[in-house]
PDB file of N, CA and C in Angstrom:
ATOM      1  N   UNK A   1     130.431  85.899  93.807  1.00  0.00           N
ATOM      2  CA  UNK A   1     131.293  86.490  94.804  1.00  0.00           C
ATOM      3  C   UNK A   1     131.403  85.546  96.000  1.00  0.00           C
ATOM      4  N   UNK A   2     132.618  85.198  96.384  1.00  0.00           N
ATOM      5  CA  UNK A   2     132.849  84.306  97.525  1.00  0.00           C
ATOM      6  C   UNK A   2     133.160  85.122  98.767  1.00  0.00           C
ATOM      7  N   UNK A   3     132.537  84.722  99.862  1.00  0.00           N
ATOM      8  CA  UNK A   3     132.822  85.380 101.138  1.00  0.00           C
ATOM      9  C   UNK A   3     133.887  84.599 101.884  1.00  0.00           C
ATOM     10  N   UNK A   4     134.785  85.296 102.481  1.00  0.00           N
ATOM     11  CA  UNK A   4     135.827  84.658 103.266  1.00  0.00           C
ATOM     12  C   UNK A   4     135.246  84.157 104.580  1.00  0.00           C
ATOM     13  N   UNK A   5     135.788  83.102 105.147  1.00  0.00           N
ATOM     14  CA  UNK A   5     135.295  82.585 106.426  1.00  0.00           C
ATOM     15  C   UNK A   5     135.319  83.630 107.542  1.00  0.00           C
ATOM     16  N   UNK A   6     136.338  84.481 107.568  1.00  0.00           N
ATOM     17  CA  UNK A   6     136.412  85.499 108.622  1.00  0.00           C
ATOM     18  C   UNK A   6     135.284  86.522 108.470  1.00  0.00           C
ATOM     19  N   UNK A   7     134.912  86.844 107.240  1.00  0.00           N
ATOM     20  CA  UNK A   7     133.817  87.774 107.003  1.00  0.00           C
ATOM     21  C   UNK A   7     132.491  87.139 107.407  1.00  0.00           C
ATOM     22  N   UNK A   8     132.315  85.862 107.100  1.00  0.00           N
ATOM     23  CA  UNK A   8     131.099  85.153 107.519  1.00  0.00           C
ATOM     24  C   UNK A   8     130.982  85.123 109.038  1.00  0.00           C
ATOM     25  N   UNK A   9     132.096  84.879 109.711  1.00  0.00           N
ATOM     26  CA  UNK A   9     132.111  84.846 111.164  1.00  0.00           C
ATOM     27  C   UNK A   9     131.754  86.219 111.742  1.00  0.00           C
ATOM     28  N   UNK A  10     132.285  87.257 111.165  1.00  0.00           N
ATOM     29  CA  UNK A  10     131.985  88.616 111.621  1.00  0.00           C
ATOM     30  C   UNK A  10     130.505  88.941 111.422  1.00  0.00           C
ATOM     31  N   UNK A  11     129.940  88.561 110.292  1.00  0.00           N
ATOM     32  CA  UNK A  11     128.517  88.802 110.036  1.00  0.00           C
ATOM     33  C   UNK A  11     127.638  88.022 111.015  1.00  0.00           C
ATOM     34  N   UNK A  12     128.020  86.794 111.317  1.00  0.00           N
ATOM     35  CA  UNK A  12     127.267  85.984 112.276  1.00  0.00           C
ATOM     36  C   UNK A  12     127.316  86.616 113.665  1.00  0.00           C
ATOM     37  N   UNK A  13     128.476  87.112 114.062  1.00  0.00           N
ATOM     38  CA  UNK A  13     128.618  87.754 115.372  1.00  0.00           C
ATOM     39  C   UNK A  13     127.743  89.002 115.468  1.00  0.00           C
ATOM     40  N   UNK A  14     127.756  89.829 114.453  1.00  0.00           N
ATOM     41  CA  UNK A  14     126.953  91.055 114.444  1.00  0.00           C
ATOM     42  C   UNK A  14     125.469  90.726 114.531  1.00  0.00           C
ATOM     43  N   UNK A  15     125.020  89.714 113.833  1.00  0.00           N
ATOM     44  CA  UNK A  15     123.602  89.362 113.875  1.00  0.00           C
ATOM     45  C   UNK A  15     123.221  88.794 115.242  1.00  0.00           C
ATOM     46  N   UNK A  16     124.092  88.036 115.886  1.00  0.00           N
ATOM     47  CA  UNK A  16     123.812  87.514 117.224  1.00  0.00           C
ATOM     48  C   UNK A  16     123.756  88.634 118.251  1.00  0.00           C
ATOM     49  N   UNK A  17     124.637  89.585 118.156  1.00  0.00           N
ATOM     50  CA  UNK A  17     124.633  90.715 119.083  1.00  0.00           C
ATOM     51  C   UNK A  17     123.363  91.531 118.899  1.00  0.00           C
ATOM     52  N   UNK A  18     122.926  91.678 117.701  1.00  0.00           N
ATOM     53  CA  UNK A  18     121.706  92.429 117.424  1.00  0.00           C
ATOM     54  C   UNK A  18     120.463  91.765 117.979  1.00  0.00           C
ATOM     55  N   UNK A  19     120.470  90.437 118.122  1.00  0.00           N
ATOM     56  CA  UNK A  19     119.305  89.723 118.632  1.00  0.00           C
ATOM     57  C   UNK A  19     119.356  89.497 120.135  1.00  0.00           C
ATOM     58  N   UNK A  20     120.474  89.781 120.783  1.00  0.00           N
ATOM     59  CA  UNK A  20     120.586  89.537 122.223  1.00  0.00           C
ATOM     60  C   UNK A  20     119.900  90.644 123.005  1.00  0.00           C
ATOM     61  N   UNK A  21     119.713  90.409 124.299  1.00  0.00           N
ATOM     62  CA  UNK A  21     119.082  91.394 125.174  1.00  0.00           C
ATOM     63  C   UNK A  21     119.943  92.642 125.251  1.00  0.00           C
ATOM     64  N   UNK A  22     119.284  93.752 125.351  1.00  0.00           N
ATOM     65  CA  UNK A  22     119.963  95.037 125.411  1.00  0.00           C
ATOM     66  C   UNK A  22     120.480  95.315 126.813  1.00  0.00           C
ATOM     67  N   UNK A  23     121.755  95.548 126.932  1.00  0.00           N
ATOM     68  CA  UNK A  23     122.340  95.977 128.193  1.00  0.00           C
ATOM     69  C   UNK A  23     122.397  97.496 128.139  1.00  0.00           C
ATOM     70  N   UNK A  24     121.740  98.113 129.116  1.00  0.00           N
ATOM     71  CA  UNK A  24     121.699  99.573 129.193  1.00  0.00           C
ATOM     72  C   UNK A  24     122.022  99.996 130.606  1.00  0.00           C
ATOM     73  N   UNK A  25     122.176 101.274 130.778  1.00  0.00           N
ATOM     74  CA  UNK A  25     122.375 101.807 132.119  1.00  0.00           C
ATOM     75  C   UNK A  25     121.052 102.385 132.601  1.00  0.00           C
ATOM     76  N   UNK A  26     120.582 101.872 133.720  1.00  0.00           N
ATOM     77  CA  UNK A  26     119.341 102.327 134.337  1.00  0.00           C
ATOM     78  C   UNK A  26     119.676 103.036 135.640  1.00  0.00           C
ATOM     79  N   UNK A  27     118.714 103.754 136.172  1.00  0.00           N
ATOM     80  CA  UNK A  27     118.899 104.427 137.443  1.00  0.00           C
ATOM     81  C   UNK A  27     118.012 103.778 138.495  1.00  0.00           C
ATOM     82  N   UNK A  28     118.627 103.414 139.598  1.00  0.00           N
ATOM     83  CA  UNK A  28     117.904 102.861 140.734  1.00  0.00           C
ATOM     84  C   UNK A  28     117.760 103.981 141.756  1.00  0.00           C
ATOM     85  N   UNK A  29     116.540 104.213 142.201  1.00  0.00           N
ATOM     86  CA  UNK A  29     116.285 105.257 143.186  1.00  0.00           C
ATOM     87  C   UNK A  29     115.742 104.615 144.458  1.00  0.00           C
ATOM     88  N   UNK A  30     116.346 104.953 145.583  1.00  0.00           N
ATOM     89  CA  UNK A  30     115.953 104.394 146.872  1.00  0.00           C
ATOM     90  C   UNK A  30     115.536 105.518 147.817  1.00  0.00           C
ATOM     91  N   UNK A  31     114.344 105.385 148.382  1.00  0.00           N
ATOM     92  CA  UNK A  31     113.850 106.326 149.375  1.00  0.00           C
ATOM     93  C   UNK A  31     114.045 105.729 150.760  1.00  0.00           C
ATOM     94  N   UNK A  32     114.621 106.499 151.677  1.00  0.00           N
ATOM     95  CA  UNK A  32     114.921 106.017 153.022  1.00  0.00           C
ATOM     96  C   UNK A  32     114.103 106.830 154.033  1.00  0.00           C
ATOM     97  N   UNK A  33     113.372 106.126 154.897  1.00  0.00           N
ATOM     98  CA  UNK A  33     112.605 106.788 155.941  1.00  0.00           C
ATOM     99  C   UNK A  33     112.938 106.175 157.299  1.00  0.00           C
ATOM    100  N   UNK A  34     112.846 107.010 158.329  1.00  0.00           N
ATOM    101  CA  UNK A  34     113.096 106.595 159.703  1.00  0.00           C
ATOM    102  C   UNK A  34     111.854 106.905 160.528  1.00  0.00           C
ATOM    103  N   UNK A  35     111.405 105.960 161.340  1.00  0.00           N
ATOM    104  CA  UNK A  35     110.238 106.173 162.195  1.00  0.00           C
ATOM    105  C   UNK A  35     110.487 105.529 163.558  1.00  0.00           C
ATOM    106  N   UNK A  36     109.680 105.963 164.543  1.00  0.00           N
ATOM    107  CA  UNK A  36     109.725 105.319 165.846  1.00  0.00           C
ATOM    108  C   UNK A  36     110.067 106.241 166.994  1.00  0.00           C
ATOM    109  N   UNK A  37     110.764 107.340 166.750  1.00  0.00           N
ATOM    110  CA  UNK A  37     111.130 108.273 167.807  1.00  0.00           C
ATOM    111  C   UNK A  37     111.169 109.679 167.231  1.00  0.00           C
ATOM    112  N   UNK A  38     110.942 110.675 168.075  1.00  0.00           N
ATOM    113  CA  UNK A  38     111.045 112.059 167.590  1.00  0.00           C
ATOM    114  C   UNK A  38     112.506 112.440 167.342  1.00  0.00           C
ATOM    115  N   UNK A  39     112.710 113.367 166.433  1.00  0.00           N
ATOM    116  CA  UNK A  39     114.042 113.896 166.168  1.00  0.00           C
ATOM    117  C   UNK A  39     114.895 113.071 165.225  1.00  0.00           C
ATOM    118  N   UNK A  40     114.305 112.134 164.545  1.00  0.00           N
ATOM    119  CA  UNK A  40     115.071 111.333 163.585  1.00  0.00           C
ATOM    120  C   UNK A  40     115.322 112.133 162.312  1.00  0.00           C
ATOM    121  N   UNK A  41     116.316 111.745 161.525  1.00  0.00           N
ATOM    122  CA  UNK A  41     116.585 112.462 160.264  1.00  0.00           C
ATOM    123  C   UNK A  41     115.369 112.431 159.333  1.00  0.00           C
ATOM    124  N   UNK A  42     115.276 113.452 158.501  1.00  0.00           N
ATOM    125  CA  UNK A  42     114.223 113.490 157.478  1.00  0.00           C
ATOM    126  C   UNK A  42     114.430 112.362 156.477  1.00  0.00           C
ATOM    127  N   UNK A  43     113.366 112.055 155.753  1.00  0.00           N
ATOM    128  CA  UNK A  43     113.472 111.073 154.672  1.00  0.00           C
ATOM    129  C   UNK A  43     114.483 111.570 153.653  1.00  0.00           C
ATOM    130  N   UNK A  44     115.153 110.644 153.001  1.00  0.00           N
ATOM    131  CA  UNK A  44     116.124 111.019 151.977  1.00  0.00           C
ATOM    132  C   UNK A  44     116.007 110.076 150.794  1.00  0.00           C
ATOM    133  N   UNK A  45     116.633 110.465 149.710  1.00  0.00           N
ATOM    134  CA  UNK A  45     116.617 109.672 148.478  1.00  0.00           C
ATOM    135  C   UNK A  45     118.040 109.565 147.959  1.00  0.00           C
ATOM    136  N   UNK A  46     118.390 108.375 147.484  1.00  0.00           N
ATOM    137  CA  UNK A  46     119.688 108.208 146.828  1.00  0.00           C
ATOM    138  C   UNK A  46     119.471 107.511 145.493  1.00  0.00           C
ATOM    139  N   UNK A  47     120.341 107.785 144.559  1.00  0.00           N
ATOM    140  CA  UNK A  47     120.265 107.189 143.226  1.00  0.00           C
ATOM    141  C   UNK A  47     121.625 106.618 142.863  1.00  0.00           C
ATOM    142  N   UNK A  48     121.600 105.524 142.128  1.00  0.00           N
ATOM    143  CA  UNK A  48     122.841 104.971 141.611  1.00  0.00           C
ATOM    144  C   UNK A  48     122.556 104.238 140.301  1.00  0.00           C
ATOM    145  N   UNK A  49     123.563 104.156 139.428  1.00  0.00           N
ATOM    146  CA  UNK A  49     123.373 103.491 138.139  1.00  0.00           C
ATOM    147  C   UNK A  49     123.475 101.974 138.258  1.00  0.00           C
ATOM    148  N   UNK A  50     122.691 101.284 137.424  1.00  0.00           N
ATOM    149  CA  UNK A  50     122.760  99.828 137.308  1.00  0.00           C
ATOM    150  C   UNK A  50     122.854  99.523 135.819  1.00  0.00           C
ATOM    151  N   UNK A  51     123.930  98.856 135.416  1.00  0.00           N
ATOM    152  CA  UNK A  51     124.128  98.552 133.996  1.00  0.00           C
ATOM    153  C   UNK A  51     123.909  97.058 133.784  1.00  0.00           C
ATOM    154  N   UNK A  52     122.795  96.726 133.139  1.00  0.00           N
ATOM    155  CA  UNK A  52     122.445  95.329 132.875  1.00  0.00           C
ATOM    156  C   UNK A  52     121.219  95.330 131.973  1.00  0.00           C
ATOM    157  N   UNK A  53     120.649  94.142 131.739  1.00  0.00           N
ATOM    158  CA  UNK A  53     119.380  94.090 131.024  1.00  0.00           C
ATOM    159  C   UNK A  53     118.317  94.659 131.957  1.00  0.00           C
ATOM    160  N   UNK A  54     117.192  95.067 131.414  1.00  0.00           N
ATOM    161  CA  UNK A  54     116.167  95.699 132.247  1.00  0.00           C
ATOM    162  C   UNK A  54     115.670  94.760 133.346  1.00  0.00           C
ATOM    163  N   UNK A  55     115.446  93.511 133.001  1.00  0.00           N
ATOM    164  CA  UNK A  55     114.939  92.538 133.975  1.00  0.00           C
ATOM    165  C   UNK A  55     115.934  92.333 135.122  1.00  0.00           C
ATOM    166  N   UNK A  56     117.202  92.168 134.797  1.00  0.00           N
ATOM    167  CA  UNK A  56     118.209  91.960 135.827  1.00  0.00           C
ATOM    168  C   UNK A  56     118.450  93.224 136.638  1.00  0.00           C
ATOM    169  N   UNK A  57     118.447  94.382 135.966  1.00  0.00           N
ATOM    170  CA  UNK A  57     118.648  95.648 136.669  1.00  0.00           C
ATOM    171  C   UNK A  57     117.521  95.884 137.675  1.00  0.00           C
ATOM    172  N   UNK A  58     116.295  95.561 137.295  1.00  0.00           N
ATOM    173  CA  UNK A  58     115.157  95.719 138.197  1.00  0.00           C
ATOM    174  C   UNK A  58     115.309  94.804 139.405  1.00  0.00           C
ATOM    175  N   UNK A  59     115.719  93.573 139.172  1.00  0.00           N
ATOM    176  CA  UNK A  59     115.920  92.616 140.259  1.00  0.00           C
ATOM    177  C   UNK A  59     117.015  93.086 141.217  1.00  0.00           C
ATOM    178  N   UNK A  60     118.112  93.569 140.677  1.00  0.00           N
ATOM    179  CA  UNK A  60     119.220  94.064 141.502  1.00  0.00           C
ATOM    180  C   UNK A  60     118.765  95.259 142.324  1.00  0.00           C
ATOM    181  N   UNK A  61     118.102  96.191 141.671  1.00  0.00           N
ATOM    182  CA  UNK A  61     117.658  97.417 142.335  1.00  0.00           C
ATOM    183  C   UNK A  61     116.655  97.106 143.444  1.00  0.00           C
ATOM    184  N   UNK A  62     115.589  96.405 143.109  1.00  0.00           N
ATOM    185  CA  UNK A  62     114.541  96.128 144.086  1.00  0.00           C
ATOM    186  C   UNK A  62     115.036  95.199 145.192  1.00  0.00           C
ATOM    187  N   UNK A  63     116.091  94.449 144.926  1.00  0.00           N
ATOM    188  CA  UNK A  63     116.687  93.591 145.936  1.00  0.00           C
ATOM    189  C   UNK A  63     117.364  94.368 147.056  1.00  0.00           C
ATOM    190  N   UNK A  64     117.593  95.657 146.841  1.00  0.00           N
ATOM    191  CA  UNK A  64     118.196  96.501 147.866  1.00  0.00           C
ATOM    192  C   UNK A  64     117.174  97.064 148.852  1.00  0.00           C
ATOM    193  N   UNK A  65     115.895  96.840 148.619  1.00  0.00           N
ATOM    194  CA  UNK A  65     114.856  97.313 149.532  1.00  0.00           C
ATOM    195  C   UNK A  65     114.907  96.496 150.822  1.00  0.00           C
ATOM    196  N   UNK A  66     114.676  97.168 151.940  1.00  0.00           N
ATOM    197  CA  UNK A  66     114.670  96.452 153.218  1.00  0.00           C
ATOM    198  C   UNK A  66     113.970  97.275 154.294  1.00  0.00           C
ATOM    199  N   UNK A  67     113.632  96.617 155.385  1.00  0.00           N
ATOM    200  CA  UNK A  67     113.125  97.257 156.592  1.00  0.00           C
ATOM    201  C   UNK A  67     113.853  96.623 157.761  1.00  0.00           C
ATOM    202  N   UNK A  68     114.346  97.465 158.664  1.00  0.00           N
ATOM    203  CA  UNK A  68     115.017  96.943 159.854  1.00  0.00           C
ATOM    204  C   UNK A  68     114.605  97.762 161.068  1.00  0.00           C
ATOM    205  N   UNK A  69     114.702  97.142 162.227  1.00  0.00           N
ATOM    206  CA  UNK A  69     114.361  97.831 163.470  1.00  0.00           C
ATOM    207  C   UNK A  69     115.479  97.617 164.476  1.00  0.00           C
ATOM    208  N   UNK A  70     115.868  98.714 165.131  1.00  0.00           N
ATOM    209  CA  UNK A  70     116.904  98.632 166.152  1.00  0.00           C
ATOM    210  C   UNK A  70     116.641  99.719 167.184  1.00  0.00           C
ATOM    211  N   UNK A  71     116.553  99.333 168.437  1.00  0.00           N
ATOM    212  CA  UNK A  71     116.316 100.264 169.545  1.00  0.00           C
ATOM    213  C   UNK A  71     115.062 101.114 169.339  1.00  0.00           C
ATOM    214  N   UNK A  72     114.018 100.524 168.781  1.00  0.00           N
ATOM    215  CA  UNK A  72     112.752 101.237 168.581  1.00  0.00           C
ATOM    216  C   UNK A  72     112.713 102.133 167.362  1.00  0.00           C
ATOM    217  N   UNK A  73     113.756 102.131 166.570  1.00  0.00           N
ATOM    218  CA  UNK A  73     113.805 102.947 165.354  1.00  0.00           C
ATOM    219  C   UNK A  73     113.686 102.018 164.153  1.00  0.00           C
ATOM    220  N   UNK A  74     112.708 102.304 163.312  1.00  0.00           N
ATOM    221  CA  UNK A  74     112.507 101.506 162.098  1.00  0.00           C
ATOM    222  C   UNK A  74     113.073 102.260 160.905  1.00  0.00           C
ATOM    223  N   UNK A  75     113.940 101.606 160.172  1.00  0.00           N
ATOM    224  CA  UNK A  75     114.516 102.164 158.947  1.00  0.00           C
ATOM    225  C   UNK A  75     113.955 101.386 157.771  1.00  0.00           C
ATOM    226  N   UNK A  76     113.373 102.109 156.823  1.00  0.00           N
ATOM    227  CA  UNK A  76     112.807 101.479 155.635  1.00  0.00           C
ATOM    228  C   UNK A  76     113.469 102.083 154.400  1.00  0.00           C
ATOM    229  N   UNK A  77     113.958 101.214 153.535  1.00  0.00           N
ATOM    230  CA  UNK A  77     114.527 101.657 152.266  1.00  0.00           C
ATOM    231  C   UNK A  77     113.769 100.941 151.152  1.00  0.00           C
ATOM    232  N   UNK A  78     113.100 101.725 150.310  1.00  0.00           N
ATOM    233  CA  UNK A  78     112.323 101.166 149.200  1.00  0.00           C
ATOM    234  C   UNK A  78     112.962 101.619 147.902  1.00  0.00           C
ATOM    235  N   UNK A  79     113.416 100.652 147.101  1.00  0.00           N
ATOM    236  CA  UNK A  79     114.129 100.965 145.857  1.00  0.00           C
ATOM    237  C   UNK A  79     113.303 100.542 144.639  1.00  0.00           C
ATOM    238  N   UNK A  80     113.365 101.367 143.597  1.00  0.00           N
ATOM    239  CA  UNK A  80     112.711 101.022 142.336  1.00  0.00           C
ATOM    240  C   UNK A  80     113.529 101.537 141.167  1.00  0.00           C
ATOM    241  N   UNK A  81     113.379 100.875 140.060  1.00  0.00           N
ATOM    242  CA  UNK A  81     114.120 101.209 138.843  1.00  0.00           C
ATOM    243  C   UNK A  81     113.312 102.175 137.984  1.00  0.00           C
ATOM    244  N   UNK A  82     113.973 103.171 137.452  1.00  0.00           N
ATOM    245  CA  UNK A  82     113.307 104.052 136.488  1.00  0.00           C
ATOM    246  C   UNK A  82     114.265 104.499 135.425  1.00  0.00           C
TER     247      UNK A  82
END
């Protein structure tokens, strides 16, 4: 039985896709806290989807973490992938 070149190409593509890194949708969760003065908003949490490989999604998500200070108020956002 002879295989056509187009069929061989299709089989090669399927096998390469099967061996590549899995792109999935992950959830990034960020907790936001405010400190430094009375009467500031309560802590809050936000979530958003990240569609990539797990390693890249984690890097993107955790890259959104930050701490800033302005007028005596410190805002901290800590993000993690789950």
